[in-house]
């Protein structure tokens, strides 16, 4: 049964500098994409100091991008985004696949292949990843499509260790395989490359994780930013594939999609000259969910020694 769920996401990021700095152009991806299962009710973005200009555009993936430019200097930069949305969750997804796609392997329709070309292309070619994903195929090479995808997701959940990583960038899928640990974005990229090795189109998704029972201590990761992947299946379209926090699944969670890309590098909630400087430092975050409000708070302090080059 489709259940509409309204809730509010607050994403607050504060940069504090050891001395006043001049700010370059900043790009923000806070506004969720609307669709048949996600309706945006309200969106507010407060930036301090106020930018001299704030403009919006759609990127090549049709994500909404806010671009802010500033004059003068400041010792603190604050981004406070609040979005209220209604997300329709399907308690038990039953994807209506086309008859030809119920069993793997299958072929995409000829008219879909050109549009899926980049989602089918390998961005981290690895024979090790290809060997790893082939273990989920029976000797005959034929298997129910959803069973195959669930087996891959379950293997990552059961055999890998989730670790929080605040530093910029991702591990290569090969490194994630070797280390058997990584963050949600590392697992998403591993599964993307694994499914692409099977000839399935995949893309990266970024958003927030809302876990209704987090207050009762029954779930881990509620209120956090989250990354996962989607695979394209004829008849069902882009289908979610998720791996949870601390090795747990996200079955009890709601993942409101924020934006889409073919690689994690194409997505970042907020970036700019000062954020590039801040990304070299460790940061501490706090996540809270209370009565349907998902709150992400991030504070960064920039030492004087890093205030170099064009940032001052």
Protein backbone atom coordinates (compact mmCIF):
# COMPACT_ATOMS: atom_id res chain seq x y z
CA UNK A 1 0.00 0.00 0.00
CA UNK A 2 1.30 3.46 -0.90
CA UNK A 3 1.54 5.61 2.23
CA UNK A 4 2.14 9.40 1.95
CA UNK A 5 4.50 10.56 4.68
CA UNK A 6 5.12 14.30 5.24
CA UNK A 7 8.30 15.34 7.01
CA UNK A 8 10.86 18.14 7.16
CA UNK A 9 14.58 17.94 6.52
CA UNK A 10 16.83 20.60 7.97
CA UNK A 11 20.41 20.62 6.68
CA UNK A 12 22.61 23.15 8.49
CA UNK A 13 26.26 23.62 7.56
CA UNK A 14 28.49 26.17 9.30
CA UNK A 15 32.07 27.01 8.34
CA UNK A 16 34.11 28.96 10.91
CA UNK A 17 37.46 30.43 9.95
CA UNK A 18 40.40 31.45 12.10
CA UNK A 19 40.32 34.88 10.44
CA UNK A 20 38.08 36.63 7.89
CA UNK A 21 38.27 35.16 4.38
CA UNK A 22 36.91 36.15 0.99
CA UNK A 23 34.38 33.66 -0.33
CA UNK A 24 34.34 32.25 -3.81
CA UNK A 25 31.35 30.89 -5.72
CA UNK A 26 29.40 28.16 -3.90
CA UNK A 27 27.15 25.51 -5.46
CA UNK A 28 24.37 23.85 -3.43
CA UNK A 29 22.18 20.81 -4.09
CA UNK A 30 19.70 21.02 -1.22
CA UNK A 31 16.41 21.07 -3.18
CA UNK A 32 14.93 17.59 -3.75
CA UNK A 33 13.69 16.50 -7.13
CA UNK A 34 9.92 16.26 -7.35
CA UNK A 35 8.28 13.20 -8.87
CA UNK A 36 5.16 11.06 -8.59
CA UNK A 37 6.39 9.67 -5.25
CA UNK A 38 7.92 12.83 -3.79
CA UNK A 39 6.09 16.15 -3.59
CA UNK A 40 7.89 19.27 -2.40
CA UNK A 41 5.65 21.28 -0.08
CA UNK A 42 8.07 24.01 0.96
CA UNK A 43 11.76 24.87 0.48
CA UNK A 44 13.73 27.58 2.23
CA UNK A 45 17.41 28.40 2.04
CA UNK A 46 19.01 30.94 4.37
CA UNK A 47 22.64 31.89 3.73
CA UNK A 48 24.69 34.07 6.08
CA UNK A 49 26.32 36.34 5.08
CA UNK A 50 23.75 36.97 2.40
CA UNK A 51 25.13 36.41 -1.09
CA UNK A 52 25.24 39.30 -3.52
CA UNK A 53 23.63 36.99 -6.05
CA UNK A 54 21.79 33.66 -5.79
CA UNK A 55 20.73 31.95 -9.00
CA UNK A 56 19.30 28.53 -9.85
CA UNK A 57 19.90 26.15 -12.72
CA UNK A 58 19.28 22.54 -13.76
CA UNK A 59 22.35 20.37 -14.34
CA UNK A 60 22.61 17.65 -16.99
CA UNK A 61 20.78 15.23 -14.66
CA UNK A 62 17.98 17.79 -14.10
CA UNK A 63 19.03 18.38 -10.47
CA UNK A 64 18.30 21.86 -9.07
CA UNK A 65 21.54 23.71 -8.37
CA UNK A 66 21.77 26.96 -6.38
CA UNK A 67 24.83 29.10 -7.10
CA UNK A 68 25.80 31.84 -4.64
CA UNK A 69 28.42 34.57 -5.06
CA UNK A 70 29.66 36.88 -2.30
CA UNK A 71 31.41 40.20 -1.77
CA UNK A 72 33.52 41.20 1.19
CA UNK A 73 34.99 38.88 3.82
CA UNK A 74 33.67 36.89 6.78
CA UNK A 75 34.86 34.65 9.60
CA UNK A 76 31.74 32.45 9.41
CA UNK A 77 29.66 31.03 6.56
CA UNK A 78 26.28 29.45 7.27
CA UNK A 79 23.91 27.48 5.03
CA UNK A 80 20.53 26.60 6.55
CA UNK A 81 18.27 24.56 4.27
CA UNK A 82 14.77 23.45 5.29
CA UNK A 83 12.57 21.43 2.98
CA UNK A 84 9.16 20.01 3.78
CA UNK A 85 8.04 17.22 1.50
CA UNK A 86 5.60 14.38 1.16
CA UNK A 87 7.16 11.06 0.30
CA UNK A 88 5.12 8.08 -0.84
CA UNK A 89 6.62 4.87 0.49
CA UNK A 90 5.76 1.40 -0.74
CA UNK A 91 5.87 -0.92 2.27
CA UNK A 92 6.66 -4.03 0.25
CA UNK A 93 7.94 -3.11 -3.22
CA UNK A 94 6.51 -5.33 -5.91
CA UNK A 95 8.15 -4.14 -9.09
CA UNK A 96 6.06 -4.79 -12.22
CA UNK A 97 8.85 -5.97 -14.49
CA UNK A 98 8.27 -6.64 -18.14
CA UNK A 99 8.02 -10.35 -18.86
CA UNK A 100 11.40 -10.38 -20.59
CA UNK A 101 13.10 -8.80 -17.56
CA UNK A 102 11.83 -11.20 -14.89
CA UNK A 103 14.80 -13.45 -15.57
CA UNK A 104 18.44 -12.43 -15.98
CA UNK A 105 20.05 -12.09 -18.49
CA UNK A 106 17.78 -9.83 -20.51
CA UNK A 107 18.26 -7.11 -23.09
CA UNK A 108 17.22 -3.48 -22.93
CA UNK A 109 15.00 -2.23 -25.73
CA UNK A 110 16.93 -0.77 -28.64
CA UNK A 111 15.36 2.68 -28.15
CA UNK A 112 16.45 2.76 -24.47
CA UNK A 113 20.10 1.79 -24.97
CA UNK A 114 21.31 5.22 -26.22
CA UNK A 115 19.85 6.94 -23.14
CA UNK A 116 21.31 4.30 -20.81
CA UNK A 117 24.76 4.26 -22.42
CA UNK A 118 26.59 6.21 -19.70
CA UNK A 119 24.77 4.30 -16.95
CA UNK A 120 26.02 1.07 -18.53
CA UNK A 121 29.62 2.22 -18.97
CA UNK A 122 32.25 1.25 -16.39
CA UNK A 123 33.83 4.15 -14.53
CA UNK A 124 36.12 1.93 -12.44
CA UNK A 125 36.92 -1.07 -14.68
CA UNK A 126 38.00 -4.01 -12.51
CA UNK A 127 38.23 -7.71 -13.31
CA UNK A 128 38.18 -8.35 -9.55
CA UNK A 129 34.75 -6.74 -9.24
CA UNK A 130 33.53 -8.70 -12.28
CA UNK A 131 34.71 -11.98 -10.72
CA UNK A 132 33.11 -11.09 -7.40
CA UNK A 133 29.67 -10.42 -8.89
CA UNK A 134 29.71 -13.57 -11.02
CA UNK A 135 29.53 -15.65 -7.83
CA UNK A 136 25.86 -14.68 -7.57
CA UNK A 137 25.05 -16.38 -10.88
CA UNK A 138 24.18 -20.10 -10.94
CA UNK A 139 26.11 -22.42 -13.29
CA UNK A 140 23.37 -22.01 -15.88
CA UNK A 141 23.85 -18.23 -15.83
CA UNK A 142 20.08 -17.76 -15.55
CA UNK A 143 18.43 -16.40 -12.41
CA UNK A 144 15.40 -14.38 -11.33
CA UNK A 145 16.39 -10.73 -11.72
CA UNK A 146 15.17 -9.49 -8.32
CA UNK A 147 16.71 -12.51 -6.58
CA UNK A 148 20.05 -11.63 -8.17
CA UNK A 149 19.92 -8.01 -7.01
CA UNK A 150 18.82 -8.98 -3.49
CA UNK A 151 21.69 -11.47 -3.26
CA UNK A 152 24.24 -8.79 -4.11
CA UNK A 153 22.74 -6.35 -1.62
CA UNK A 154 22.57 -9.02 1.09
CA UNK A 155 26.21 -9.99 0.53
CA UNK A 156 27.35 -6.39 1.01
CA UNK A 157 25.22 -6.11 4.15
CA UNK A 158 26.47 -9.39 5.64
CA UNK A 159 30.10 -9.49 4.54
CA UNK A 160 31.21 -5.84 4.70
CA UNK A 161 31.62 -3.46 7.63
CA UNK A 162 30.06 0.00 7.47
CA UNK A 163 32.34 2.87 8.53
CA UNK A 164 31.65 6.60 8.60
CA UNK A 165 34.00 8.62 6.42
CA UNK A 166 33.73 12.40 6.42
CA UNK A 167 36.68 13.02 4.15
CA UNK A 168 36.09 13.92 0.52
CA UNK A 169 35.99 11.28 -2.20
CA UNK A 170 35.26 7.57 -2.43
CA UNK A 171 37.15 4.32 -2.39
CA UNK A 172 37.48 2.48 -5.67
CA UNK A 173 35.25 -0.61 -5.83
CA UNK A 174 38.37 -2.77 -5.89
CA UNK A 175 39.61 -1.16 -2.67
CA UNK A 176 36.23 -1.69 -1.02
CA UNK A 177 36.37 -5.36 -2.00
CA UNK A 178 39.86 -5.76 -0.60
CA UNK A 179 39.18 -3.88 2.64
CA UNK A 180 35.69 -5.33 3.15
CA UNK A 181 34.64 -2.03 4.70
CA UNK A 182 33.46 1.37 3.56
CA UNK A 183 30.83 4.08 3.79
CA UNK A 184 27.42 4.06 2.13
CA UNK A 185 28.80 5.85 -0.93
CA UNK A 186 31.59 3.26 -1.23
CA UNK A 187 29.06 0.41 -1.13
CA UNK A 188 26.84 2.20 -3.66
CA UNK A 189 29.72 2.54 -6.13
CA UNK A 190 30.75 -1.08 -5.61
CA UNK A 191 27.24 -2.28 -6.41
CA UNK A 192 27.00 0.09 -9.37
CA UNK A 193 30.14 -1.32 -10.93
CA UNK A 194 29.11 -4.87 -10.07
CA UNK A 195 25.70 -4.55 -11.75
CA UNK A 196 27.29 -2.80 -14.73
CA UNK A 197 29.60 -5.80 -15.06
CA UNK A 198 26.41 -7.83 -15.54
CA UNK A 199 25.19 -5.47 -18.26
CA UNK A 200 22.69 -3.61 -16.05
CA UNK A 201 22.38 0.18 -16.06
CA UNK A 202 23.05 1.81 -12.68
CA UNK A 203 23.20 5.32 -11.24
CA UNK A 204 24.21 6.99 -7.96
CA UNK A 205 21.59 8.56 -5.66
CA UNK A 206 22.10 10.94 -2.75
CA UNK A 207 19.58 11.97 -0.12
CA UNK A 208 18.65 11.54 3.54
CA UNK A 209 17.80 8.56 5.70
CA UNK A 210 14.71 8.82 7.89
CA UNK A 211 14.16 5.99 10.36
CA UNK A 212 10.84 6.28 12.25
CA UNK A 213 11.96 4.07 15.16
CA UNK A 214 15.32 5.76 15.79
CA UNK A 215 14.08 7.34 19.04
CA UNK A 216 13.32 3.91 20.43
CA UNK A 217 16.84 2.72 19.70
CA UNK A 218 15.66 0.15 17.17
CA UNK A 219 17.57 1.53 14.19
CA UNK A 220 20.90 3.12 13.37
CA UNK A 221 21.63 6.06 11.08
CA UNK A 222 18.39 8.04 11.27
CA UNK A 223 18.75 11.67 10.30
CA UNK A 224 21.94 11.18 8.32
CA UNK A 225 22.75 12.01 4.75
CA UNK A 226 22.82 8.80 2.76
CA UNK A 227 23.92 7.43 -0.60
CA UNK A 228 22.67 4.43 -2.51
CA UNK A 229 22.23 3.25 -6.08
CA UNK A 230 19.45 2.49 -8.51
CA UNK A 231 19.36 -0.06 -11.31
CA UNK A 232 17.19 0.32 -14.39
CA UNK A 233 14.76 -2.55 -15.00
CA UNK A 234 12.32 -2.64 -17.94
CA UNK A 235 8.77 -2.20 -16.72
CA UNK A 236 9.78 -0.89 -13.29
CA UNK A 237 12.19 1.88 -14.26
CA UNK A 238 14.86 2.94 -11.76
CA UNK A 239 14.72 0.55 -8.79
CA UNK A 240 16.30 1.28 -5.40
CA UNK A 241 19.10 -0.86 -4.02
CA UNK A 242 20.18 0.02 -0.47
CA UNK A 243 22.66 -1.12 2.15
CA UNK A 244 22.16 0.12 5.70
CA UNK A 245 24.22 1.61 8.51
CA UNK A 246 26.35 -0.52 10.81
CA UNK A 247 25.67 -3.54 8.63
CA UNK A 248 21.92 -3.22 9.06
CA UNK A 249 19.42 -2.95 6.26
CA UNK A 250 17.28 0.09 5.61
CA UNK A 251 14.00 -1.78 5.46
CA UNK A 252 12.47 0.39 8.20
CA UNK A 253 13.74 3.63 6.68
CA UNK A 254 12.52 6.14 4.16
CA UNK A 255 15.02 7.49 1.65
CA UNK A 256 13.80 10.75 0.08
CA UNK A 257 15.87 11.12 -3.08
CA UNK A 258 17.67 14.42 -3.33
CA UNK A 259 19.56 14.18 -6.61
CA UNK A 260 20.94 11.74 -9.17
CA UNK A 261 24.22 11.23 -11.03
CA UNK A 262 26.34 8.61 -12.72
CA UNK A 263 29.20 9.09 -10.24
CA UNK A 264 29.45 10.42 -6.65
CA UNK A 265 31.81 13.12 -7.92
CA UNK A 266 28.85 14.61 -9.80
CA UNK A 267 26.96 15.16 -6.53
CA UNK A 268 27.76 17.26 -3.49
CA UNK A 269 25.32 18.95 -1.13
CA UNK A 270 27.39 22.13 -0.99
CA UNK A 271 30.72 23.11 -2.49
CA UNK A 272 32.85 26.16 -3.17
CA UNK A 273 36.21 27.74 -2.48
CA UNK A 274 35.81 27.66 1.26
CA UNK A 275 34.36 24.15 1.29
CA UNK A 276 37.32 22.88 -0.72
CA UNK A 277 39.52 24.28 2.02
CA UNK A 278 37.36 22.75 4.73
CA UNK A 279 37.28 19.35 3.08
CA UNK A 280 40.92 18.84 4.04
CA UNK A 281 39.97 18.81 7.71
CA UNK A 282 38.21 16.25 9.87
CA UNK A 283 34.70 17.32 10.83
CA UNK A 284 32.20 16.36 13.46
CA UNK A 285 28.51 16.00 12.70
CA UNK A 286 25.34 15.54 14.69
CA UNK A 287 22.14 13.97 13.39
CA UNK A 288 18.78 14.09 15.17
CA UNK A 289 15.27 12.97 14.21
CA UNK A 290 12.33 14.17 16.26
CA UNK A 291 8.65 13.94 15.26
CA UNK A 292 9.30 13.61 11.57
CA UNK A 293 12.00 16.28 11.43
CA UNK A 294 15.33 15.13 10.05
CA UNK A 295 18.09 17.50 11.12
CA UNK A 296 21.64 17.40 9.78
CA UNK A 297 24.12 19.76 11.49
CA UNK A 298 27.75 20.15 10.46
CA UNK A 299 30.28 22.53 12.01
CA UNK A 300 33.78 23.13 10.67
CA UNK A 301 36.60 25.25 12.10
CA UNK A 302 39.38 26.33 9.73
CA UNK A 303 42.88 26.82 11.25
CA UNK A 304 44.82 29.95 10.37
CA UNK A 305 47.58 27.82 8.82
CA UNK A 306 45.24 26.72 6.00
CA UNK A 307 44.18 30.22 5.00
CA UNK A 308 46.35 30.45 1.90
CA UNK A 309 46.25 31.38 -1.75
CA UNK A 310 43.10 32.87 -3.21
CA UNK A 311 40.97 32.29 -0.12
CA UNK A 312 42.11 35.41 1.76
